[in-house]
Amino acid sequence: MELSGGDNYTNLSAQLQSHYFSLFTVAIAVLVGSYLDLLISLVGSLASAALALIFPPLFEILTYWPERHNNKKFWLMFIKNLFLAFVGFTGFIAGTTVTIIKLVEKLSAHSQEGSCPT
């Protein structure tokens, strides 16, 4: 025996998830307020460095690792990719550190004023 209405439950679930996600996005936007620039900078320093400069070189190393004995240029590529991953990791650390320091400074300035950051 097949129960009817399974599609209705799936549609309702998808609609509820969509509404909750929209409410979550609005809540984050309201809570972030004047910190939006720092939040964008923090997300950028975390995600951009990893996606653009850290993961691709490491994936290339992992892809060609089994063929390292047959490929004469593997070690040149290996050194290049380690350098790129190091530059990306340095940017990741520097960007995240600077953004967190600025965020702490902004939060402490607002707490000393005794006002809510909006």
Protein backbone atom coordinates (compact mmCIF):
# COMPACT_ATOMS: atom_id res chain seq x y z
CA MET A 1 0.00 0.00 0.00
CA GLU A 2 1.42 3.34 -1.05
CA LEU A 3 0.84 6.43 1.02
CA SER A 4 -0.17 9.47 -0.94
CA GLY A 5 0.96 12.97 -0.11
CA GLY A 6 4.68 12.27 0.04
CA ASP A 7 5.31 15.00 -2.48
CA ASN A 8 3.31 17.48 -0.41
CA TYR A 9 5.45 16.73 2.64
CA THR A 10 8.63 17.18 0.58
CA ASN A 11 7.39 20.47 -0.84
CA LEU A 12 6.39 21.73 2.61
CA SER A 13 9.76 20.73 4.00
CA ALA A 14 11.58 22.53 1.19
CA GLN A 15 9.46 25.64 1.68
CA LEU A 16 10.09 25.67 5.41
CA GLN A 17 13.82 25.28 4.87
CA SER A 18 13.73 28.16 2.40
CA HIS A 19 11.87 30.38 4.86
CA TYR A 20 14.20 29.48 7.74
CA PHE A 21 17.22 30.22 5.58
CA SER A 22 15.75 33.58 4.58
CA LEU A 23 15.02 34.46 8.21
CA PHE A 24 18.53 33.38 9.22
CA THR A 25 20.00 35.62 6.50
CA VAL A 26 17.93 38.59 7.65
CA ALA A 27 18.90 37.96 11.28
CA ILE A 28 22.59 37.86 10.37
CA ALA A 29 22.25 41.09 8.39
CA VAL A 30 20.54 42.82 11.32
CA LEU A 31 23.05 41.52 13.87
CA VAL A 32 26.10 42.32 11.76
CA GLY A 33 25.04 45.91 11.11
CA SER A 34 28.12 48.10 11.05
CA TYR A 35 30.44 45.08 11.05
CA LEU A 36 29.56 44.02 7.51
CA ASP A 37 32.86 45.24 6.05
CA LEU A 38 34.84 43.24 8.60
CA LEU A 39 32.67 40.17 8.12
CA ILE A 40 33.19 40.29 4.36
CA SER A 41 36.92 40.72 4.91
CA LEU A 42 37.02 37.77 7.32
CA VAL A 43 35.09 35.47 5.00
CA GLY A 44 37.27 36.59 2.09
CA SER A 45 40.52 35.96 3.92
CA LEU A 46 39.33 32.55 5.06
CA ALA A 47 37.74 31.30 1.87
CA SER A 48 39.60 33.07 -0.94
CA ALA A 49 43.08 32.10 0.13
CA ALA A 50 42.05 28.50 0.66
CA LEU A 51 40.08 28.15 -2.56
CA ALA A 52 42.47 30.03 -4.82
CA LEU A 53 45.96 29.42 -3.48
CA ILE A 54 46.05 26.54 -1.02
CA PHE A 55 43.81 23.74 -2.27
CA PRO A 56 44.54 23.75 -6.04
CA PRO A 57 48.33 23.30 -5.68
CA LEU A 58 47.84 20.58 -3.08
CA PHE A 59 45.31 18.80 -5.31
CA GLU A 60 47.75 18.94 -8.23
CA ILE A 61 50.47 17.41 -6.07
CA LEU A 62 48.11 14.65 -4.97
CA THR A 63 46.98 14.05 -8.54
CA TYR A 64 50.46 13.57 -9.94
CA TRP A 65 52.04 11.95 -6.88
CA PRO A 66 51.69 8.34 -8.14
CA GLU A 67 53.49 9.29 -11.38
CA ARG A 68 56.35 11.17 -9.71
CA HIS A 69 58.98 8.62 -10.80
CA ASN A 70 57.95 8.70 -14.47
CA ASN A 71 57.61 12.48 -14.77
CA LYS A 72 60.92 14.36 -14.93
CA LYS A 73 59.27 17.73 -14.26
CA PHE A 74 57.33 16.54 -11.21
CA TRP A 75 59.73 17.99 -8.66
CA LEU A 76 59.72 21.39 -10.37
CA MET A 77 55.91 21.35 -10.24
CA PHE A 78 56.09 20.13 -6.64
CA ILE A 79 58.29 23.06 -5.56
CA LYS A 80 56.09 25.55 -7.45
CA ASN A 81 52.96 24.19 -5.79
CA LEU A 82 54.50 24.21 -2.33
CA PHE A 83 55.48 27.84 -2.88
CA LEU A 84 51.94 28.75 -3.99
CA ALA A 85 50.41 26.92 -1.03
CA PHE A 86 52.84 28.70 1.32
CA VAL A 87 51.92 32.11 -0.15
CA GLY A 88 48.23 31.25 0.20
CA PHE A 89 48.67 30.07 3.78
CA THR A 90 50.61 33.24 4.63
CA GLY A 91 47.82 35.37 3.14
CA PHE A 92 45.25 33.29 5.00
CA ILE A 93 47.00 33.84 8.34
CA ALA A 94 47.77 37.54 7.74
CA GLY A 95 44.30 38.43 6.46
CA THR A 96 42.51 36.57 9.21
CA THR A 97 44.74 38.05 11.92
CA VAL A 98 44.35 41.63 10.69
CA THR A 99 40.59 41.27 10.35
CA ILE A 100 40.18 39.78 13.82
CA ILE A 101 42.32 42.56 15.33
CA LYS A 102 40.18 45.21 13.61
CA LEU A 103 37.00 43.46 14.72
CA VAL A 104 38.20 43.38 18.35
CA GLU A 105 39.17 47.07 18.15
CA LYS A 106 35.76 47.99 16.76
CA LEU A 107 33.95 45.90 19.37
CA SER A 108 35.99 47.40 22.22
CA ALA A 109 35.36 50.93 20.93
CA HIS A 110 31.61 50.27 20.91
CA SER A 111 31.69 48.71 24.37
CA GLN A 112 33.57 51.72 25.78
CA GLU A 113 30.99 54.07 24.32
CA GLY A 114 28.24 52.04 25.93
CA SER A 115 26.18 51.96 22.78
CA CYS A 116 24.87 49.09 20.74
CA PRO A 117 26.60 48.58 17.39
CA THR A 118 24.01 49.16 14.69
